[in-house]
Amino acid sequence: MNIGGNMKKKDLVAIILLSLIFIILFIIIGDKKSIIGKWKSIDAKDEYYYVFNKDKTCLYEMTSAKLNCTYKIDDNHITILYEGNEKENKFEYSFNKNNLIIKDITGKEYKFIKN
């Protein structure tokens, strides 16, 4: 009986199984788009940005002004509260390839690309 040979086969099987698990996890987790980062408007006359941070703070930045904000995400909706304004602004958001698309309550879409 070759104990060393059986151990090598078991080790090889364990390594293969662990590798498959890591590949599957990477595909599942790595495929999700993240809103975190700086997003530049791509179809507006004037250039502006949204910066979404991990700590749920954000910044709306135009050439003439900057507004601090906070946000929360619920499914495919993002609610933004701009500093100095008590009204929450709720938008639908989605991703299309490398673009972030934010849709307001009227249905108008705003497209952004990660900067």
PDB file of N, CA and C in Angstrom:
ATOM      1  N   MET A   1       0.841  -1.178   0.000  1.00  0.00           N
ATOM      2  CA  MET A   1       0.000   0.000   0.000  1.00  0.00           C
ATOM      3  C   MET A   1       0.883   1.237   0.000  1.00  0.00           C
ATOM      4  N   ASN A   2       0.590   2.177  -0.868  1.00  0.00           N
ATOM      5  CA  ASN A   2       1.399   3.384  -1.021  1.00  0.00           C
ATOM      6  C   ASN A   2       0.683   4.573  -0.385  1.00  0.00           C
ATOM      7  N   ILE A   3       1.003   4.847   0.881  1.00  0.00           N
ATOM      8  CA  ILE A   3       0.359   5.933   1.615  1.00  0.00           C
ATOM      9  C   ILE A   3       0.761   7.286   1.031  1.00  0.00           C
ATOM     10  N   GLY A   4       2.015   7.453   0.694  1.00  0.00           N
ATOM     11  CA  GLY A   4       2.491   8.718   0.127  1.00  0.00           C
ATOM     12  C   GLY A   4       1.777   9.064  -1.165  1.00  0.00           C
ATOM     13  N   GLY A   5       1.501   8.110  -2.029  1.00  0.00           N
ATOM     14  CA  GLY A   5       0.800   8.346  -3.286  1.00  0.00           C
ATOM     15  C   GLY A   5      -0.632   8.787  -3.070  1.00  0.00           C
ATOM     16  N   ASN A   6      -1.315   8.176  -2.074  1.00  0.00           N
ATOM     17  CA  ASN A   6      -2.687   8.561  -1.757  1.00  0.00           C
ATOM     18  C   ASN A   6      -2.743   9.985  -1.213  1.00  0.00           C
ATOM     19  N   MET A   7      -1.777  10.381  -0.411  1.00  0.00           N
ATOM     20  CA  MET A   7      -1.735  11.735   0.146  1.00  0.00           C
ATOM     21  C   MET A   7      -1.542  12.762  -0.964  1.00  0.00           C
ATOM     22  N   LYS A   8      -0.685  12.450  -1.909  1.00  0.00           N
ATOM     23  CA  LYS A   8      -0.455  13.379  -3.013  1.00  0.00           C
ATOM     24  C   LYS A   8      -1.722  13.554  -3.835  1.00  0.00           C
ATOM     25  N   LYS A   9      -2.461  12.474  -4.072  1.00  0.00           N
ATOM     26  CA  LYS A   9      -3.703  12.567  -4.832  1.00  0.00           C
ATOM     27  C   LYS A   9      -4.733  13.393  -4.068  1.00  0.00           C
ATOM     28  N   LYS A  10      -4.826  13.178  -2.752  1.00  0.00           N
ATOM     29  CA  LYS A  10      -5.770  13.949  -1.927  1.00  0.00           C
ATOM     30  C   LYS A  10      -5.398  15.418  -1.913  1.00  0.00           C
ATOM     31  N   ASP A  11      -4.094  15.718  -1.811  1.00  0.00           N
ATOM     32  CA  ASP A  11      -3.639  17.105  -1.840  1.00  0.00           C
ATOM     33  C   ASP A  11      -3.975  17.760  -3.176  1.00  0.00           C
ATOM     34  N   LEU A  12      -3.753  17.034  -4.255  1.00  0.00           N
ATOM     35  CA  LEU A  12      -4.040  17.556  -5.589  1.00  0.00           C
ATOM     36  C   LEU A  12      -5.535  17.829  -5.756  1.00  0.00           C
ATOM     37  N   VAL A  13      -6.367  16.906  -5.290  1.00  0.00           N
ATOM     38  CA  VAL A  13      -7.818  17.092  -5.369  1.00  0.00           C
ATOM     39  C   VAL A  13      -8.237  18.304  -4.540  1.00  0.00           C
ATOM     40  N   ALA A  14      -7.678  18.456  -3.346  1.00  0.00           N
ATOM     41  CA  ALA A  14      -8.004  19.594  -2.478  1.00  0.00           C
ATOM     42  C   ALA A  14      -7.599  20.910  -3.134  1.00  0.00           C
ATOM     43  N   ILE A  15      -6.426  20.936  -3.741  1.00  0.00           N
ATOM     44  CA  ILE A  15      -5.953  22.153  -4.404  1.00  0.00           C
ATOM     45  C   ILE A  15      -6.858  22.502  -5.583  1.00  0.00           C
ATOM     46  N   ILE A  16      -7.244  21.506  -6.357  1.00  0.00           N
ATOM     47  CA  ILE A  16      -8.132  21.740  -7.503  1.00  0.00           C
ATOM     48  C   ILE A  16      -9.487  22.260  -7.028  1.00  0.00           C
ATOM     49  N   LEU A  17     -10.048  21.641  -5.985  1.00  0.00           N
ATOM     50  CA  LEU A  17     -11.345  22.090  -5.461  1.00  0.00           C
ATOM     51  C   LEU A  17     -11.273  23.512  -4.921  1.00  0.00           C
ATOM     52  N   LEU A  18     -10.228  23.826  -4.166  1.00  0.00           N
ATOM     53  CA  LEU A  18     -10.074  25.183  -3.647  1.00  0.00           C
ATOM     54  C   LEU A  18      -9.913  26.190  -4.782  1.00  0.00           C
ATOM     55  N   SER A  19      -9.159  25.827  -5.798  1.00  0.00           N
ATOM     56  CA  SER A  19      -8.980  26.717  -6.946  1.00  0.00           C
ATOM     57  C   SER A  19     -10.309  26.989  -7.635  1.00  0.00           C
ATOM     58  N   LEU A  20     -11.114  25.970  -7.817  1.00  0.00           N
ATOM     59  CA  LEU A  20     -12.426  26.142  -8.438  1.00  0.00           C
ATOM     60  C   LEU A  20     -13.330  27.047  -7.592  1.00  0.00           C
ATOM     61  N   ILE A  21     -13.293  26.863  -6.293  1.00  0.00           N
ATOM     62  CA  ILE A  21     -14.094  27.705  -5.395  1.00  0.00           C
ATOM     63  C   ILE A  21     -13.670  29.166  -5.521  1.00  0.00           C
ATOM     64  N   PHE A  22     -12.357  29.427  -5.523  1.00  0.00           N
ATOM     65  CA  PHE A  22     -11.868  30.804  -5.658  1.00  0.00           C
ATOM     66  C   PHE A  22     -12.242  31.405  -7.012  1.00  0.00           C
ATOM     67  N   ILE A  23     -12.180  30.628  -8.065  1.00  0.00           N
ATOM     68  CA  ILE A  23     -12.551  31.118  -9.392  1.00  0.00           C
ATOM     69  C   ILE A  23     -14.036  31.479  -9.426  1.00  0.00           C
ATOM     70  N   ILE A  24     -14.871  30.617  -8.870  1.00  0.00           N
ATOM     71  CA  ILE A  24     -16.313  30.884  -8.842  1.00  0.00           C
ATOM     72  C   ILE A  24     -16.616  32.127  -8.005  1.00  0.00           C
ATOM     73  N   LEU A  25     -15.990  32.260  -6.840  1.00  0.00           N
ATOM     74  CA  LEU A  25     -16.193  33.446  -6.006  1.00  0.00           C
ATOM     75  C   LEU A  25     -15.745  34.713  -6.719  1.00  0.00           C
ATOM     76  N   PHE A  26     -14.623  34.649  -7.407  1.00  0.00           N
ATOM     77  CA  PHE A  26     -14.127  35.811  -8.142  1.00  0.00           C
ATOM     78  C   PHE A  26     -15.108  36.217  -9.229  1.00  0.00           C
ATOM     79  N   ILE A  27     -15.663  35.249  -9.931  1.00  0.00           N
ATOM     80  CA  ILE A  27     -16.630  35.548 -10.992  1.00  0.00           C
ATOM     81  C   ILE A  27     -17.877  36.187 -10.398  1.00  0.00           C
ATOM     82  N   ILE A  28     -18.373  35.644  -9.301  1.00  0.00           N
ATOM     83  CA  ILE A  28     -19.592  36.160  -8.677  1.00  0.00           C
ATOM     84  C   ILE A  28     -19.358  37.548  -8.081  1.00  0.00           C
ATOM     85  N   ILE A  29     -18.323  37.713  -7.293  1.00  0.00           N
ATOM     86  CA  ILE A  29     -18.068  38.977  -6.605  1.00  0.00           C
ATOM     87  C   ILE A  29     -17.441  39.993  -7.544  1.00  0.00           C
ATOM     88  N   GLY A  30     -16.512  39.584  -8.350  1.00  0.00           N
ATOM     89  CA  GLY A  30     -15.798  40.502  -9.231  1.00  0.00           C
ATOM     90  C   GLY A  30     -16.652  41.059 -10.353  1.00  0.00           C
ATOM     91  N   ASP A  31     -17.767  40.419 -10.653  1.00  0.00           N
ATOM     92  CA  ASP A  31     -18.609  40.863 -11.746  1.00  0.00           C
ATOM     93  C   ASP A  31     -19.532  42.009 -11.354  1.00  0.00           C
ATOM     94  N   LYS A  32     -19.729  42.226 -10.080  1.00  0.00           N
ATOM     95  CA  LYS A  32     -20.626  43.283  -9.632  1.00  0.00           C
ATOM     96  C   LYS A  32     -19.975  44.635  -9.829  1.00  0.00           C
ATOM     97  N   LYS A  33     -20.741  45.569 -10.388  1.00  0.00           N
ATOM     98  CA  LYS A  33     -20.261  46.932 -10.596  1.00  0.00           C
ATOM     99  C   LYS A  33     -20.393  47.688  -9.280  1.00  0.00           C
ATOM    100  N   SER A  34     -19.505  48.617  -9.081  1.00  0.00           N
ATOM    101  CA  SER A  34     -19.536  49.427  -7.873  1.00  0.00           C
ATOM    102  C   SER A  34     -19.714  50.887  -8.238  1.00  0.00           C
ATOM    103  N   ILE A  35     -20.520  51.575  -7.464  1.00  0.00           N
ATOM    104  CA  ILE A  35     -20.745  52.989  -7.678  1.00  0.00           C
ATOM    105  C   ILE A  35     -19.610  53.830  -7.065  1.00  0.00           C
ATOM    106  N   ILE A  36     -18.788  53.199  -6.238  1.00  0.00           N
ATOM    107  CA  ILE A  36     -17.700  53.903  -5.559  1.00  0.00           C
ATOM    108  C   ILE A  36     -16.709  54.447  -6.592  1.00  0.00           C
ATOM    109  N   GLY A  37     -16.367  55.729  -6.448  1.00  0.00           N
ATOM    110  CA  GLY A  37     -15.388  56.334  -7.339  1.00  0.00           C
ATOM    111  C   GLY A  37     -15.872  57.665  -7.879  1.00  0.00           C
ATOM    112  N   LYS A  38     -15.085  58.226  -8.784  1.00  0.00           N
ATOM    113  CA  LYS A  38     -15.406  59.514  -9.403  1.00  0.00           C
ATOM    114  C   LYS A  38     -15.993  59.255 -10.783  1.00  0.00           C
ATOM    115  N   TRP A  39     -17.181  59.822 -11.043  1.00  0.00           N
ATOM    116  CA  TRP A  39     -17.910  59.619 -12.283  1.00  0.00           C
ATOM    117  C   TRP A  39     -18.084  60.940 -13.013  1.00  0.00           C
ATOM    118  N   LYS A  40     -17.696  60.972 -14.268  1.00  0.00           N
ATOM    119  CA  LYS A  40     -17.762  62.179 -15.100  1.00  0.00           C
ATOM    120  C   LYS A  40     -18.960  62.093 -16.037  1.00  0.00           C
ATOM    121  N   SER A  41     -19.714  63.189 -16.140  1.00  0.00           N
ATOM    122  CA  SER A  41     -20.842  63.240 -17.070  1.00  0.00           C
ATOM    123  C   SER A  41     -20.321  63.101 -18.500  1.00  0.00           C
ATOM    124  N   ILE A  42     -21.061  62.399 -19.334  1.00  0.00           N
ATOM    125  CA  ILE A  42     -20.572  62.220 -20.702  1.00  0.00           C
ATOM    126  C   ILE A  42     -21.523  62.740 -21.769  1.00  0.00           C
ATOM    127  N   ASP A  43     -22.710  63.147 -21.396  1.00  0.00           N
ATOM    128  CA  ASP A  43     -23.617  63.648 -22.422  1.00  0.00           C
ATOM    129  C   ASP A  43     -24.295  64.956 -22.010  1.00  0.00           C
ATOM    130  N   ALA A  44     -23.587  65.765 -21.256  1.00  0.00           N
ATOM    131  CA  ALA A  44     -24.122  67.052 -20.829  1.00  0.00           C
ATOM    132  C   ALA A  44     -23.293  68.171 -21.475  1.00  0.00           C
ATOM    133  N   LYS A  45     -23.910  69.327 -21.632  1.00  0.00           N
ATOM    134  CA  LYS A  45     -23.188  70.470 -22.200  1.00  0.00           C
ATOM    135  C   LYS A  45     -22.036  70.883 -21.298  1.00  0.00           C
ATOM    136  N   ASP A  46     -22.325  70.963 -20.005  1.00  0.00           N
ATOM    137  CA  ASP A  46     -21.309  71.348 -19.025  1.00  0.00           C
ATOM    138  C   ASP A  46     -20.817  70.106 -18.307  1.00  0.00           C
ATOM    139  N   GLU A  47     -19.519  70.009 -18.134  1.00  0.00           N
ATOM    140  CA  GLU A  47     -18.920  68.860 -17.460  1.00  0.00           C
ATOM    141  C   GLU A  47     -19.192  68.938 -15.958  1.00  0.00           C
ATOM    142  N   TYR A  48     -19.598  67.830 -15.386  1.00  0.00           N
ATOM    143  CA  TYR A  48     -19.761  67.751 -13.934  1.00  0.00           C
ATOM    144  C   TYR A  48     -19.464  66.335 -13.483  1.00  0.00           C
ATOM    145  N   TYR A  49     -19.293  66.192 -12.174  1.00  0.00           N
ATOM    146  CA  TYR A  49     -18.864  64.917 -11.599  1.00  0.00           C
ATOM    147  C   TYR A  49     -19.700  64.567 -10.383  1.00  0.00           C
ATOM    148  N   TYR A  50     -19.794  63.282 -10.130  1.00  0.00           N
ATOM    149  CA  TYR A  50     -20.227  62.755  -8.844  1.00  0.00           C
ATOM    150  C   TYR A  50     -19.063  61.933  -8.308  1.00  0.00           C
ATOM    151  N   VAL A  51     -18.789  62.089  -7.027  1.00  0.00           N
ATOM    152  CA  VAL A  51     -17.785  61.266  -6.358  1.00  0.00           C
ATOM    153  C   VAL A  51     -18.508  60.536  -5.230  1.00  0.00           C
ATOM    154  N   PHE A  52     -18.543  59.215  -5.312  1.00  0.00           N
ATOM    155  CA  PHE A  52     -19.187  58.396  -4.292  1.00  0.00           C
ATOM    156  C   PHE A  52     -18.113  57.674  -3.490  1.00  0.00           C
ATOM    157  N   ASN A  53     -18.110  57.896  -2.178  1.00  0.00           N
ATOM    158  CA  ASN A  53     -17.130  57.290  -1.288  1.00  0.00           C
ATOM    159  C   ASN A  53     -17.726  56.081  -0.568  1.00  0.00           C
ATOM    160  N   LYS A  54     -16.854  55.214  -0.068  1.00  0.00           N
ATOM    161  CA  LYS A  54     -17.295  54.013   0.646  1.00  0.00           C
ATOM    162  C   LYS A  54     -18.084  54.340   1.906  1.00  0.00           C
ATOM    163  N   ASP A  55     -17.774  55.480   2.530  1.00  0.00           N
ATOM    164  CA  ASP A  55     -18.421  55.841   3.797  1.00  0.00           C
ATOM    165  C   ASP A  55     -19.789  56.504   3.613  1.00  0.00           C
ATOM    166  N   LYS A  56     -20.359  56.399   2.404  1.00  0.00           N
ATOM    167  CA  LYS A  56     -21.679  56.928   2.059  1.00  0.00           C
ATOM    168  C   LYS A  56     -21.714  58.450   1.968  1.00  0.00           C
ATOM    169  N   THR A  57     -20.555  59.095   1.876  1.00  0.00           N
ATOM    170  CA  THR A  57     -20.501  60.518   1.573  1.00  0.00           C
ATOM    171  C   THR A  57     -20.273  60.656   0.075  1.00  0.00           C
ATOM    172  N   CYS A  58     -20.658  61.813  -0.451  1.00  0.00           N
ATOM    173  CA  CYS A  58     -20.454  62.042  -1.872  1.00  0.00           C
ATOM    174  C   CYS A  58     -20.226  63.516  -2.131  1.00  0.00           C
ATOM    175  N   LEU A  59     -19.877  63.811  -3.353  1.00  0.00           N
ATOM    176  CA  LEU A  59     -19.604  65.176  -3.775  1.00  0.00           C
ATOM    177  C   LEU A  59     -20.168  65.347  -5.174  1.00  0.00           C
ATOM    178  N   TYR A  60     -20.912  66.427  -5.365  1.00  0.00           N
ATOM    179  CA  TYR A  60     -21.394  66.799  -6.689  1.00  0.00           C
ATOM    180  C   TYR A  60     -20.561  67.997  -7.088  1.00  0.00           C
ATOM    181  N   GLU A  61     -19.814  67.877  -8.165  1.00  0.00           N
ATOM    182  CA  GLU A  61     -18.818  68.892  -8.518  1.00  0.00           C
ATOM    183  C   GLU A  61     -19.073  69.423  -9.929  1.00  0.00           C
ATOM    184  N   MET A  62     -19.237  70.744 -10.004  1.00  0.00           N
ATOM    185  CA  MET A  62     -19.368  71.439 -11.282  1.00  0.00           C
ATOM    186  C   MET A  62     -18.199  72.422 -11.377  1.00  0.00           C
ATOM    187  N   THR A  63     -18.033  73.054 -12.519  1.00  0.00           N
ATOM    188  CA  THR A  63     -16.934  74.016 -12.650  1.00  0.00           C
ATOM    189  C   THR A  63     -17.131  75.206 -11.724  1.00  0.00           C
ATOM    190  N   SER A  64     -18.384  75.574 -11.432  1.00  0.00           N
ATOM    191  CA  SER A  64     -18.645  76.765 -10.620  1.00  0.00           C
ATOM    192  C   SER A  64     -18.936  76.477  -9.152  1.00  0.00           C
ATOM    193  N   ALA A  65     -19.176  75.226  -8.787  1.00  0.00           N
ATOM    194  CA  ALA A  65     -19.552  74.939  -7.399  1.00  0.00           C
ATOM    195  C   ALA A  65     -19.322  73.471  -7.061  1.00  0.00           C
ATOM    196  N   LYS A  66     -19.259  73.217  -5.746  1.00  0.00           N
ATOM    197  CA  LYS A  66     -19.173  71.856  -5.221  1.00  0.00           C
ATOM    198  C   LYS A  66     -20.211  71.715  -4.119  1.00  0.00           C
ATOM    199  N   LEU A  67     -20.926  70.606  -4.140  1.00  0.00           N
ATOM    200  CA  LEU A  67     -21.911  70.331  -3.107  1.00  0.00           C
ATOM    201  C   LEU A  67     -21.572  69.017  -2.426  1.00  0.00           C
ATOM    202  N   ASN A  68     -21.418  69.053  -1.116  1.00  0.00           N
ATOM    203  CA  ASN A  68     -21.238  67.818  -0.358  1.00  0.00           C
ATOM    204  C   ASN A  68     -22.589  67.136  -0.236  1.00  0.00           C
ATOM    205  N   CYS A  69     -22.557  65.831  -0.155  1.00  0.00           N
ATOM    206  CA  CYS A  69     -23.798  65.085  -0.044  1.00  0.00           C
ATOM    207  C   CYS A  69     -23.544  63.749   0.649  1.00  0.00           C
ATOM    208  N   THR A  70     -24.624  63.092   0.978  1.00  0.00           N
ATOM    209  CA  THR A  70     -24.581  61.715   1.477  1.00  0.00           C
ATOM    210  C   THR A  70     -25.530  60.907   0.600  1.00  0.00           C
ATOM    211  N   TYR A  71     -25.335  59.596   0.597  1.00  0.00           N
ATOM    212  CA  TYR A  71     -26.192  58.759  -0.228  1.00  0.00           C
ATOM    213  C   TYR A  71     -26.456  57.433   0.456  1.00  0.00           C
ATOM    214  N   LYS A  72     -27.523  56.800   0.017  1.00  0.00           N
ATOM    215  CA  LYS A  72     -27.811  55.432   0.431  1.00  0.00           C
ATOM    216  C   LYS A  72     -28.338  54.689  -0.782  1.00  0.00           C
ATOM    217  N   ILE A  73     -28.062  53.394  -0.804  1.00  0.00           N
ATOM    218  CA  ILE A  73     -28.452  52.562  -1.933  1.00  0.00           C
ATOM    219  C   ILE A  73     -29.415  51.492  -1.451  1.00  0.00           C
ATOM    220  N   ASP A  74     -30.489  51.326  -2.205  1.00  0.00           N
ATOM    221  CA  ASP A  74     -31.486  50.298  -1.934  1.00  0.00           C
ATOM    222  C   ASP A  74     -31.837  49.653  -3.270  1.00  0.00           C
ATOM    223  N   ASP A  75     -31.393  48.433  -3.460  1.00  0.00           N
ATOM    224  CA  ASP A  75     -31.568  47.726  -4.734  1.00  0.00           C
ATOM    225  C   ASP A  75     -30.990  48.559  -5.870  1.00  0.00           C
ATOM    226  N   ASN A  76     -31.825  48.965  -6.825  1.00  0.00           N
ATOM    227  CA  ASN A  76     -31.338  49.732  -7.963  1.00  0.00           C
ATOM    228  C   ASN A  76     -31.671  51.222  -7.832  1.00  0.00           C
ATOM    229  N   HIS A  77     -31.861  51.677  -6.588  1.00  0.00           N
ATOM    230  CA  HIS A  77     -32.141  53.090  -6.329  1.00  0.00           C
ATOM    231  C   HIS A  77     -31.031  53.700  -5.476  1.00  0.00           C
ATOM    232  N   ILE A  78     -30.732  54.942  -5.781  1.00  0.00           N
ATOM    233  CA  ILE A  78     -29.793  55.692  -4.957  1.00  0.00           C
ATOM    234  C   ILE A  78     -30.522  56.952  -4.497  1.00  0.00           C
ATOM    235  N   THR A  79     -30.439  57.214  -3.199  1.00  0.00           N
ATOM    236  CA  THR A  79     -31.048  58.401  -2.629  1.00  0.00           C
ATOM    237  C   THR A  79     -29.924  59.318  -2.186  1.00  0.00           C
ATOM    238  N   ILE A  80     -29.940  60.555  -2.702  1.00  0.00           N
ATOM    239  CA  ILE A  80     -28.879  61.521  -2.418  1.00  0.00           C
ATOM    240  C   ILE A  80     -29.475  62.681  -1.639  1.00  0.00           C
ATOM    241  N   LEU A  81     -28.792  63.047  -0.563  1.00  0.00           N
ATOM    242  CA  LEU A  81     -29.176  64.204   0.241  1.00  0.00           C
ATOM    243  C   LEU A  81     -28.038  65.217   0.142  1.00  0.00           C
ATOM    244  N   TYR A  82     -28.317  66.332  -0.518  1.00  0.00           N
ATOM    245  CA  TYR A  82     -27.309  67.373  -0.692  1.00  0.00           C
ATOM    246  C   TYR A  82     -27.251  68.246   0.553  1.00  0.00           C
ATOM    247  N   GLU A  83     -26.040  68.613   0.959  1.00  0.00           N
ATOM    248  CA  GLU A  83     -25.833  69.437   2.146  1.00  0.00           C
ATOM    249  C   GLU A  83     -26.599  70.753   1.994  1.00  0.00           C
ATOM    250  N   GLY A  84     -27.316  71.140   3.052  1.00  0.00           N
ATOM    251  CA  GLY A  84     -28.088  72.370   3.031  1.00  0.00           C
ATOM    252  C   GLY A  84     -29.475  72.207   2.440  1.00  0.00           C
ATOM    253  N   ASN A  85     -29.843  71.010   2.051  1.00  0.00           N
ATOM    254  CA  ASN A  85     -31.156  70.741   1.468  1.00  0.00           C
ATOM    255  C   ASN A  85     -31.790  69.594   2.247  1.00  0.00           C
ATOM    256  N   GLU A  86     -32.999  69.770   2.700  1.00  0.00           N
ATOM    257  CA  GLU A  86     -33.661  68.735   3.492  1.00  0.00           C
ATOM    258  C   GLU A  86     -34.336  67.670   2.639  1.00  0.00           C
ATOM    259  N   LYS A  87     -34.547  67.964   1.363  1.00  0.00           N
ATOM    260  CA  LYS A  87     -35.251  67.033   0.471  1.00  0.00           C
ATOM    261  C   LYS A  87     -34.288  65.974  -0.059  1.00  0.00           C
ATOM    262  N   GLU A  88     -34.678  64.714   0.109  1.00  0.00           N
ATOM    263  CA  GLU A  88     -33.897  63.620  -0.467  1.00  0.00           C
ATOM    264  C   GLU A  88     -34.260  63.482  -1.939  1.00  0.00           C
ATOM    265  N   ASN A  89     -33.267  63.198  -2.739  1.00  0.00           N
ATOM    266  CA  ASN A  89     -33.457  63.009  -4.174  1.00  0.00           C
ATOM    267  C   ASN A  89     -33.233  61.543  -4.498  1.00  0.00           C
ATOM    268  N   LYS A  90     -34.284  60.885  -4.983  1.00  0.00           N
ATOM    269  CA  LYS A  90     -34.204  59.452  -5.258  1.00  0.00           C
ATOM    270  C   LYS A  90     -34.120  59.223  -6.762  1.00  0.00           C
ATOM    271  N   PHE A  91     -33.149  58.411  -7.154  1.00  0.00           N
ATOM    272  CA  PHE A  91     -32.916  58.100  -8.555  1.00  0.00           C
ATOM    273  C   PHE A  91     -32.826  56.590  -8.741  1.00  0.00           C
ATOM    274  N   GLU A  92     -33.154  56.135  -9.945  1.00  0.00           N
ATOM    275  CA  GLU A  92     -32.817  54.772 -10.335  1.00  0.00           C
ATOM    276  C   GLU A  92     -31.401  54.820 -10.877  1.00  0.00           C
ATOM    277  N   TYR A  93     -30.653  53.762 -10.660  1.00  0.00           N
ATOM    278  CA  TYR A  93     -29.338  53.719 -11.286  1.00  0.00           C
ATOM    279  C   TYR A  93     -29.068  52.322 -11.809  1.00  0.00           C
ATOM    280  N   SER A  94     -28.232  52.286 -12.829  1.00  0.00           N
ATOM    281  CA  SER A  94     -27.845  51.014 -13.427  1.00  0.00           C
ATOM    282  C   SER A  94     -26.502  51.197 -14.118  1.00  0.00           C
ATOM    283  N   PHE A  95     -25.964  50.104 -14.593  1.00  0.00           N
ATOM    284  CA  PHE A  95     -24.704  50.138 -15.321  1.00  0.00           C
ATOM    285  C   PHE A  95     -24.941  49.582 -16.713  1.00  0.00           C
ATOM    286  N   ASN A  96     -24.328  50.215 -17.683  1.00  0.00           N
ATOM    287  CA  ASN A  96     -24.351  49.732 -19.060  1.00  0.00           C
ATOM    288  C   ASN A  96     -22.909  49.754 -19.544  1.00  0.00           C
ATOM    289  N   LYS A  97     -22.316  48.585 -19.591  1.00  0.00           N
ATOM    290  CA  LYS A  97     -20.887  48.445 -19.893  1.00  0.00           C
ATOM    291  C   LYS A  97     -20.104  49.245 -18.863  1.00  0.00           C
ATOM    292  N   ASN A  98     -19.346  50.261 -19.269  1.00  0.00           N
ATOM    293  CA  ASN A  98     -18.539  51.059 -18.332  1.00  0.00           C
ATOM    294  C   ASN A  98     -19.265  52.305 -17.857  1.00  0.00           C
ATOM    295  N   ASN A  99     -20.519  52.462 -18.223  1.00  0.00           N
ATOM    296  CA  ASN A  99     -21.250  53.674 -17.876  1.00  0.00           C
ATOM    297  C   ASN A  99     -22.168  53.478 -16.679  1.00  0.00           C
ATOM    298  N   LEU A 100     -22.246  54.514 -15.866  1.00  0.00           N
ATOM    299  CA  LEU A 100     -23.231  54.603 -14.802  1.00  0.00           C
ATOM    300  C   LEU A 100     -24.376  55.421 -15.365  1.00  0.00           C
ATOM    301  N   ILE A 101     -25.587  54.915 -15.239  1.00  0.00           N
ATOM    302  CA  ILE A 101     -26.755  55.637 -15.729  1.00  0.00           C
ATOM    303  C   ILE A 101     -27.651  55.944 -14.541  1.00  0.00           C
ATOM    304  N   ILE A 102     -27.934  57.222 -14.361  1.00  0.00           N
ATOM    305  CA  ILE A 102     -28.822  57.680 -13.294  1.00  0.00           C
ATOM    306  C   ILE A 102     -30.063  58.260 -13.950  1.00  0.00           C
ATOM    307  N   LYS A 103     -31.224  57.762 -13.519  1.00  0.00           N
ATOM    308  CA  LYS A 103     -32.495  58.203 -14.104  1.00  0.00           C
ATOM    309  C   LYS A 103     -33.303  58.937 -13.036  1.00  0.00           C
ATOM    310  N   ASP A 104     -33.736  60.170 -13.364  1.00  0.00           N
ATOM    311  CA  ASP A 104     -34.529  60.936 -12.401  1.00  0.00           C
ATOM    312  C   ASP A 104     -35.999  60.519 -12.464  1.00  0.00           C
ATOM    313  N   ILE A 105     -36.828  61.172 -11.654  1.00  0.00           N
ATOM    314  CA  ILE A 105     -38.235  60.767 -11.549  1.00  0.00           C
ATOM    315  C   ILE A 105     -39.016  61.019 -12.836  1.00  0.00           C
ATOM    316  N   THR A 106     -38.519  61.913 -13.693  1.00  0.00           N
ATOM    317  CA  THR A 106     -39.192  62.166 -14.972  1.00  0.00           C
ATOM    318  C   THR A 106     -38.794  61.140 -16.036  1.00  0.00           C
ATOM    319  N   GLY A 107     -37.799  60.305 -15.718  1.00  0.00           N
ATOM    320  CA  GLY A 107     -37.334  59.307 -16.669  1.00  0.00           C
ATOM    321  C   GLY A 107     -36.116  59.744 -17.470  1.00  0.00           C
ATOM    322  N   LYS A 108     -35.666  60.983 -17.254  1.00  0.00           N
ATOM    323  CA  LYS A 108     -34.487  61.462 -17.981  1.00  0.00           C
ATOM    324  C   LYS A 108     -33.236  60.747 -17.463  1.00  0.00           C
ATOM    325  N   GLU A 109     -32.409  60.284 -18.399  1.00  0.00           N
ATOM    326  CA  GLU A 109     -31.195  59.558 -18.041  1.00  0.00           C
ATOM    327  C   GLU A 109     -29.968  60.454 -18.130  1.00  0.00           C
ATOM    328  N   TYR A 110     -29.083  60.275 -17.160  1.00  0.00           N
ATOM    329  CA  TYR A 110     -27.805  60.977 -17.125  1.00  0.00           C
ATOM    330  C   TYR A 110     -26.725  59.910 -17.139  1.00  0.00           C
ATOM    331  N   LYS A 111     -25.784  60.028 -18.086  1.00  0.00           N
ATOM    332  CA  LYS A 111     -24.755  59.005 -18.233  1.00  0.00           C
ATOM    333  C   LYS A 111     -23.406  59.527 -17.742  1.00  0.00           C
ATOM    334  N   PHE A 112     -22.686  58.628 -17.072  1.00  0.00           N
ATOM    335  CA  PHE A 112     -21.383  58.954 -16.506  1.00  0.00           C
ATOM    336  C   PHE A 112     -20.396  57.846 -16.846  1.00  0.00           C
ATOM    337  N   ILE A 113     -19.141  58.224 -16.893  1.00  0.00           N
ATOM    338  CA  ILE A 113     -18.064  57.236 -17.061  1.00  0.00           C
ATOM    339  C   ILE A 113     -17.099  57.428 -15.898  1.00  0.00           C
ATOM    340  N   LYS A 114     -16.551  56.330 -15.411  1.00  0.00           N
ATOM    341  CA  LYS A 114     -15.626  56.400 -14.274  1.00  0.00           C
ATOM    342  C   LYS A 114     -14.378  57.154 -14.697  1.00  0.00           C
ATOM    343  N   ASN A 115     -14.000  58.117 -13.898  1.00  0.00           N
ATOM    344  CA  ASN A 115     -12.888  58.998 -14.226  1.00  0.00           C
ATOM    345  C   ASN A 115     -11.630  58.553 -13.523  1.00  0.00           C
TER     346      ASN A 115
END
